[in-house]
Amino acid sequence: QVQLVESGGGSVQAGGSLRLSCAASGIIFSINAMTWYRQSPGKERELVASITDYHKPTYADSVKGRFTISRDNAKNTIYLQMNNLQPEDTATYYCNADVAGSARGHFQYYWGQGTQVTVSS
């Protein structure tokens, strides 16, 4: 069993910064991609940023140049540095990880419970 715990959310003014963390724990043999998603009320969950096990990042167009995703494989942790936050970034941010529990096991997805980010104008 795998658990993902997000942290670092909060309330900031537009133009401010936050750094989110997502730590994976449990029975983990390897982790492929880890991804940040976000969702606000009445809207679909959307991909924000993703990073592979070899540190190749992907970003949504809306956050390019403002957000940076990184990972520490030894700690099974990813980070999302969010700069120049805007009200449109207000959402619950969720961590997703593609995890194999053994060398013979298949990868499967796990979700964290989310951390709230609120940006005021």
N, C-alpha and C. Protein backbone atom coordinates (compact mmCIF):
# COMPACT_ATOMS: atom_id res chain seq x y z
N GLN A 1 0.84 -1.18 0.00
CA GLN A 1 0.00 0.00 0.00
C GLN A 1 0.89 1.24 0.00
N VAL A 2 0.44 2.26 -0.73
CA VAL A 2 1.20 3.48 -0.88
C VAL A 2 0.35 4.66 -0.42
N GLN A 3 1.00 5.57 0.29
CA GLN A 3 0.35 6.80 0.71
C GLN A 3 1.10 7.99 0.15
N LEU A 4 0.36 8.98 -0.30
CA LEU A 4 0.93 10.23 -0.76
C LEU A 4 0.42 11.35 0.14
N VAL A 5 1.32 12.16 0.65
CA VAL A 5 0.96 13.24 1.54
C VAL A 5 1.46 14.55 0.96
N GLU A 6 0.52 15.45 0.66
CA GLU A 6 0.85 16.77 0.15
C GLU A 6 0.94 17.76 1.31
N SER A 7 1.76 18.76 1.13
CA SER A 7 1.87 19.83 2.12
C SER A 7 2.34 21.09 1.43
N GLY A 8 2.23 22.21 2.12
CA GLY A 8 2.74 23.47 1.62
C GLY A 8 1.70 24.44 1.10
N GLY A 9 0.44 24.03 1.07
CA GLY A 9 -0.61 24.93 0.61
C GLY A 9 -0.87 26.04 1.61
N GLY A 10 -1.63 27.03 1.18
CA GLY A 10 -1.95 28.15 2.03
C GLY A 10 -2.60 29.26 1.25
N SER A 11 -2.70 30.42 1.88
CA SER A 11 -3.30 31.60 1.27
C SER A 11 -2.24 32.67 1.05
N VAL A 12 -2.20 33.20 -0.16
CA VAL A 12 -1.23 34.24 -0.51
C VAL A 12 -1.89 35.29 -1.38
N GLN A 13 -1.26 36.45 -1.45
CA GLN A 13 -1.69 37.48 -2.38
C GLN A 13 -1.16 37.19 -3.78
N ALA A 14 -1.85 37.73 -4.77
CA ALA A 14 -1.36 37.62 -6.14
C ALA A 14 0.07 38.13 -6.23
N GLY A 15 0.88 37.38 -6.94
CA GLY A 15 2.29 37.70 -7.05
C GLY A 15 3.16 36.97 -6.04
N GLY A 16 2.54 36.34 -5.07
CA GLY A 16 3.28 35.62 -4.06
C GLY A 16 3.70 34.24 -4.52
N SER A 17 4.35 33.52 -3.61
CA SER A 17 4.90 32.21 -3.93
C SER A 17 4.55 31.19 -2.86
N LEU A 18 4.45 29.95 -3.29
CA LEU A 18 4.29 28.82 -2.40
C LEU A 18 5.11 27.66 -2.95
N ARG A 19 5.51 26.77 -2.05
CA ARG A 19 6.20 25.56 -2.46
C ARG A 19 5.47 24.35 -1.91
N LEU A 20 4.94 23.53 -2.80
CA LEU A 20 4.23 22.33 -2.42
C LEU A 20 5.18 21.13 -2.40
N SER A 21 4.90 20.20 -1.50
CA SER A 21 5.65 18.96 -1.42
C SER A 21 4.69 17.79 -1.46
N CYS A 22 5.15 16.69 -2.01
CA CYS A 22 4.39 15.44 -2.01
C CYS A 22 5.35 14.31 -1.72
N ALA A 23 5.15 13.64 -0.61
CA ALA A 23 6.01 12.54 -0.19
C ALA A 23 5.26 11.23 -0.29
N ALA A 24 5.85 10.26 -0.97
CA ALA A 24 5.27 8.93 -1.11
C ALA A 24 5.91 7.99 -0.10
N SER A 25 5.09 7.16 0.52
CA SER A 25 5.60 6.19 1.48
C SER A 25 4.81 4.90 1.36
N GLY A 26 5.35 3.83 1.94
CA GLY A 26 4.70 2.53 1.88
C GLY A 26 5.55 1.52 1.13
N ILE A 27 4.87 0.57 0.50
CA ILE A 27 5.56 -0.48 -0.24
C ILE A 27 5.85 0.04 -1.64
N ILE A 28 7.07 0.48 -1.83
CA ILE A 28 7.49 1.11 -3.08
C ILE A 28 8.76 0.45 -3.58
N PHE A 29 8.68 -0.10 -4.77
CA PHE A 29 9.88 -0.60 -5.43
C PHE A 29 10.44 0.48 -6.36
N SER A 30 9.58 1.08 -7.12
CA SER A 30 10.00 2.16 -8.00
C SER A 30 8.80 3.04 -8.32
N ILE A 31 9.09 4.27 -8.69
CA ILE A 31 8.06 5.22 -9.09
C ILE A 31 8.41 5.76 -10.46
N ASN A 32 7.47 5.66 -11.37
CA ASN A 32 7.67 6.23 -12.69
C ASN A 32 7.40 7.73 -12.61
N ALA A 33 6.35 8.18 -13.24
CA ALA A 33 6.04 9.61 -13.22
C ALA A 33 5.34 10.01 -11.93
N MET A 34 5.56 11.24 -11.51
CA MET A 34 4.80 11.86 -10.45
C MET A 34 4.26 13.17 -11.00
N THR A 35 3.02 13.49 -10.63
CA THR A 35 2.29 14.56 -11.30
C THR A 35 1.51 15.38 -10.28
N TRP A 36 1.46 16.68 -10.52
CA TRP A 36 0.58 17.58 -9.79
C TRP A 36 -0.65 17.88 -10.65
N TYR A 37 -1.82 17.70 -10.06
CA TYR A 37 -3.09 18.11 -10.64
C TYR A 37 -3.72 19.17 -9.75
N ARG A 38 -4.71 19.87 -10.28
CA ARG A 38 -5.47 20.79 -9.45
C ARG A 38 -6.93 20.78 -9.88
N GLN A 39 -7.80 21.14 -8.93
CA GLN A 39 -9.22 21.18 -9.19
C GLN A 39 -9.87 22.24 -8.33
N SER A 40 -10.69 23.07 -8.94
CA SER A 40 -11.48 24.06 -8.24
C SER A 40 -12.96 23.70 -8.39
N PRO A 41 -13.83 24.19 -7.50
CA PRO A 41 -15.24 23.82 -7.54
C PRO A 41 -15.87 24.09 -8.90
N GLY A 42 -16.57 23.10 -9.41
CA GLY A 42 -17.26 23.24 -10.68
C GLY A 42 -16.40 23.06 -11.91
N LYS A 43 -15.14 22.75 -11.72
CA LYS A 43 -14.24 22.58 -12.85
C LYS A 43 -13.61 21.19 -12.81
N GLU A 44 -13.18 20.74 -13.97
CA GLU A 44 -12.54 19.44 -14.06
C GLU A 44 -11.12 19.50 -13.49
N ARG A 45 -10.68 18.36 -13.01
CA ARG A 45 -9.31 18.26 -12.55
C ARG A 45 -8.38 18.38 -13.76
N GLU A 46 -7.35 19.19 -13.63
CA GLU A 46 -6.43 19.42 -14.73
C GLU A 46 -4.99 19.15 -14.31
N LEU A 47 -4.21 18.73 -15.28
CA LEU A 47 -2.79 18.51 -15.04
C LEU A 47 -2.08 19.85 -14.94
N VAL A 48 -1.24 19.98 -13.93
CA VAL A 48 -0.45 21.19 -13.74
C VAL A 48 0.98 20.97 -14.19
N ALA A 49 1.61 19.93 -13.68
CA ALA A 49 3.00 19.63 -14.01
C ALA A 49 3.27 18.17 -13.71
N SER A 50 4.15 17.58 -14.49
CA SER A 50 4.50 16.18 -14.31
C SER A 50 6.00 16.03 -14.49
N ILE A 51 6.56 15.01 -13.85
CA ILE A 51 7.99 14.78 -13.96
C ILE A 51 8.25 13.28 -13.97
N THR A 52 9.11 12.85 -14.87
CA THR A 52 9.42 11.44 -15.00
C THR A 52 10.47 11.02 -13.98
N ASP A 53 10.75 9.71 -13.96
CA ASP A 53 11.76 9.21 -13.03
C ASP A 53 13.16 9.67 -13.40
N TYR A 54 13.33 10.14 -14.62
CA TYR A 54 14.62 10.68 -15.03
C TYR A 54 14.59 12.20 -15.12
N HIS A 55 13.64 12.81 -14.45
CA HIS A 55 13.59 14.25 -14.20
C HIS A 55 13.19 15.09 -15.41
N LYS A 56 12.49 14.51 -16.36
CA LYS A 56 11.98 15.28 -17.48
C LYS A 56 10.64 15.89 -17.10
N PRO A 57 10.54 17.23 -17.13
CA PRO A 57 9.29 17.87 -16.70
C PRO A 57 8.36 18.20 -17.86
N THR A 58 7.08 18.27 -17.54
CA THR A 58 6.05 18.72 -18.45
C THR A 58 5.16 19.69 -17.69
N TYR A 59 4.74 20.78 -18.35
CA TYR A 59 3.93 21.80 -17.71
C TYR A 59 2.70 22.14 -18.53
N ALA A 60 1.64 22.48 -17.84
CA ALA A 60 0.51 23.09 -18.51
C ALA A 60 0.91 24.48 -19.01
N ASP A 61 0.35 24.88 -20.14
CA ASP A 61 0.69 26.19 -20.69
C ASP A 61 0.42 27.32 -19.71
N SER A 62 -0.61 27.17 -18.90
CA SER A 62 -1.01 28.23 -17.99
C SER A 62 0.00 28.50 -16.88
N VAL A 63 0.91 27.57 -16.63
CA VAL A 63 1.86 27.75 -15.54
C VAL A 63 3.31 27.81 -16.00
N LYS A 64 3.55 27.64 -17.28
CA LYS A 64 4.91 27.69 -17.79
C LYS A 64 5.55 29.04 -17.47
N GLY A 65 6.78 28.97 -17.01
CA GLY A 65 7.50 30.17 -16.64
C GLY A 65 7.26 30.63 -15.23
N ARG A 66 6.24 30.08 -14.57
CA ARG A 66 5.93 30.46 -13.20
C ARG A 66 6.14 29.32 -12.21
N PHE A 67 5.84 28.10 -12.62
CA PHE A 67 5.95 26.93 -11.75
C PHE A 67 7.13 26.07 -12.17
N THR A 68 7.75 25.43 -11.19
CA THR A 68 8.84 24.51 -11.45
C THR A 68 8.62 23.24 -10.64
N ILE A 69 8.62 22.11 -11.32
CA ILE A 69 8.49 20.82 -10.65
C ILE A 69 9.87 20.18 -10.54
N SER A 70 10.11 19.50 -9.44
CA SER A 70 11.36 18.79 -9.24
C SER A 70 11.08 17.55 -8.40
N ARG A 71 12.05 16.65 -8.35
CA ARG A 71 11.87 15.44 -7.55
C ARG A 71 13.17 15.00 -6.92
N ASP A 72 13.04 14.34 -5.80
CA ASP A 72 14.14 13.73 -5.08
C ASP A 72 13.83 12.24 -5.01
N ASN A 73 14.44 11.46 -5.88
CA ASN A 73 14.12 10.04 -5.97
C ASN A 73 14.47 9.28 -4.69
N ALA A 74 15.55 9.69 -4.03
CA ALA A 74 15.95 9.02 -2.79
C ALA A 74 14.90 9.18 -1.71
N LYS A 75 14.15 10.27 -1.74
CA LYS A 75 13.12 10.53 -0.74
C LYS A 75 11.71 10.25 -1.26
N ASN A 76 11.59 9.81 -2.50
CA ASN A 76 10.28 9.58 -3.12
C ASN A 76 9.38 10.80 -2.96
N THR A 77 9.93 11.94 -3.25
CA THR A 77 9.25 13.21 -3.02
C THR A 77 9.35 14.09 -4.26
N ILE A 78 8.27 14.80 -4.55
CA ILE A 78 8.29 15.83 -5.58
C ILE A 78 7.91 17.16 -4.95
N TYR A 79 8.30 18.22 -5.65
CA TYR A 79 8.04 19.57 -5.19
C TYR A 79 7.46 20.38 -6.34
N LEU A 80 6.69 21.38 -5.99
CA LEU A 80 6.18 22.32 -6.97
C LEU A 80 6.41 23.72 -6.44
N GLN A 81 7.40 24.40 -7.01
CA GLN A 81 7.66 25.79 -6.67
C GLN A 81 6.76 26.66 -7.53
N MET A 82 5.89 27.41 -6.89
CA MET A 82 4.90 28.23 -7.58
C MET A 82 5.22 29.70 -7.31
N ASN A 83 5.59 30.41 -8.36
CA ASN A 83 5.90 31.83 -8.27
C ASN A 83 4.87 32.65 -9.04
N ASN A 84 4.79 33.92 -8.69
CA ASN A 84 3.85 34.83 -9.35
C ASN A 84 2.45 34.23 -9.40
N LEU A 85 1.98 33.77 -8.27
CA LEU A 85 0.66 33.15 -8.21
C LEU A 85 -0.44 34.16 -8.54
N GLN A 86 -1.47 33.68 -9.20
CA GLN A 86 -2.60 34.49 -9.61
C GLN A 86 -3.89 33.88 -9.08
N PRO A 87 -4.96 34.67 -8.97
CA PRO A 87 -6.22 34.12 -8.48
C PRO A 87 -6.70 32.90 -9.25
N GLU A 88 -6.39 32.83 -10.52
CA GLU A 88 -6.77 31.68 -11.34
C GLU A 88 -6.10 30.39 -10.90
N ASP A 89 -5.05 30.50 -10.10
CA ASP A 89 -4.36 29.32 -9.59
C ASP A 89 -5.04 28.73 -8.35
N THR A 90 -6.04 29.41 -7.83
CA THR A 90 -6.74 28.92 -6.66
C THR A 90 -7.40 27.58 -6.95
N ALA A 91 -7.07 26.58 -6.15
CA ALA A 91 -7.57 25.23 -6.36
C ALA A 91 -7.05 24.33 -5.26
N THR A 92 -7.58 23.13 -5.22
CA THR A 92 -6.98 22.07 -4.43
C THR A 92 -5.97 21.35 -5.32
N TYR A 93 -4.77 21.22 -4.84
CA TYR A 93 -3.70 20.60 -5.61
C TYR A 93 -3.48 19.18 -5.12
N TYR A 94 -3.49 18.25 -6.07
CA TYR A 94 -3.38 16.83 -5.77
C TYR A 94 -2.12 16.24 -6.38
N CYS A 95 -1.51 15.36 -5.65
CA CYS A 95 -0.34 14.63 -6.12
C CYS A 95 -0.76 13.26 -6.62
N ASN A 96 -0.18 12.84 -7.72
CA ASN A 96 -0.42 11.53 -8.29
C ASN A 96 0.92 10.86 -8.57
N ALA A 97 1.01 9.57 -8.29
CA ALA A 97 2.24 8.83 -8.52
C ALA A 97 1.95 7.50 -9.17
N ASP A 98 2.79 7.11 -10.10
CA ASP A 98 2.71 5.84 -10.81
C ASP A 98 3.73 4.92 -10.16
N VAL A 99 3.26 3.93 -9.38
CA VAL A 99 4.11 3.19 -8.46
C VAL A 99 4.06 1.70 -8.74
N ALA A 100 5.22 1.05 -8.67
CA ALA A 100 5.33 -0.40 -8.65
C ALA A 100 5.79 -0.84 -7.26
N GLY A 101 5.11 -1.84 -6.67
CA GLY A 101 5.44 -2.30 -5.35
C GLY A 101 6.50 -3.39 -5.30
N SER A 102 6.84 -3.95 -6.43
CA SER A 102 7.87 -4.98 -6.51
C SER A 102 8.44 -4.98 -7.91
N ALA A 103 9.53 -5.71 -8.08
CA ALA A 103 10.17 -5.79 -9.39
C ALA A 103 9.27 -6.46 -10.41
N ARG A 104 8.38 -7.33 -9.95
CA ARG A 104 7.48 -8.06 -10.83
C ARG A 104 6.10 -7.39 -10.94
N GLY A 105 5.85 -6.43 -10.11
CA GLY A 105 4.55 -5.82 -10.07
C GLY A 105 4.33 -4.82 -11.19
N HIS A 106 3.06 -4.61 -11.49
CA HIS A 106 2.69 -3.59 -12.46
C HIS A 106 2.58 -2.24 -11.77
N PHE A 107 2.79 -1.21 -12.54
CA PHE A 107 2.60 0.14 -12.03
C PHE A 107 1.11 0.42 -11.86
N GLN A 108 0.79 1.19 -10.84
CA GLN A 108 -0.57 1.66 -10.67
C GLN A 108 -0.55 3.05 -10.04
N TYR A 109 -1.65 3.77 -10.23
CA TYR A 109 -1.71 5.15 -9.78
C TYR A 109 -2.22 5.26 -8.36
N TYR A 110 -1.64 6.21 -7.63
CA TYR A 110 -2.08 6.57 -6.29
C TYR A 110 -2.29 8.08 -6.22
N TRP A 111 -3.23 8.49 -5.37
CA TRP A 111 -3.56 9.89 -5.19
C TRP A 111 -3.39 10.32 -3.75
N GLY A 112 -2.93 11.55 -3.57
CA GLY A 112 -2.96 12.16 -2.26
C GLY A 112 -4.31 12.79 -2.00
N GLN A 113 -4.50 13.30 -0.78
CA GLN A 113 -5.77 13.91 -0.40
C GLN A 113 -5.88 15.37 -0.80
N GLY A 114 -4.79 15.98 -1.18
CA GLY A 114 -4.82 17.33 -1.68
C GLY A 114 -4.42 18.37 -0.66
N THR A 115 -3.96 19.50 -1.16
CA THR A 115 -3.64 20.65 -0.32
C THR A 115 -4.21 21.89 -0.99
N GLN A 116 -4.82 22.76 -0.19
CA GLN A 116 -5.54 23.91 -0.73
C GLN A 116 -4.60 25.08 -0.96
N VAL A 117 -4.73 25.69 -2.13
CA VAL A 117 -4.02 26.91 -2.47
C VAL A 117 -5.04 27.98 -2.79
N THR A 118 -4.97 29.11 -2.09
CA THR A 118 -5.89 30.21 -2.31
C THR A 118 -5.09 31.47 -2.59
N VAL A 119 -5.38 32.12 -3.71
CA VAL A 119 -4.66 33.31 -4.13
C VAL A 119 -5.65 34.46 -4.23
N SER A 120 -5.41 35.52 -3.50
CA SER A 120 -6.29 36.68 -3.50
C SER A 120 -5.68 37.81 -4.32
N SER A 121 -6.53 38.63 -4.91
CA SER A 121 -6.07 39.74 -5.72
C SER A 121 -5.77 40.96 -4.87
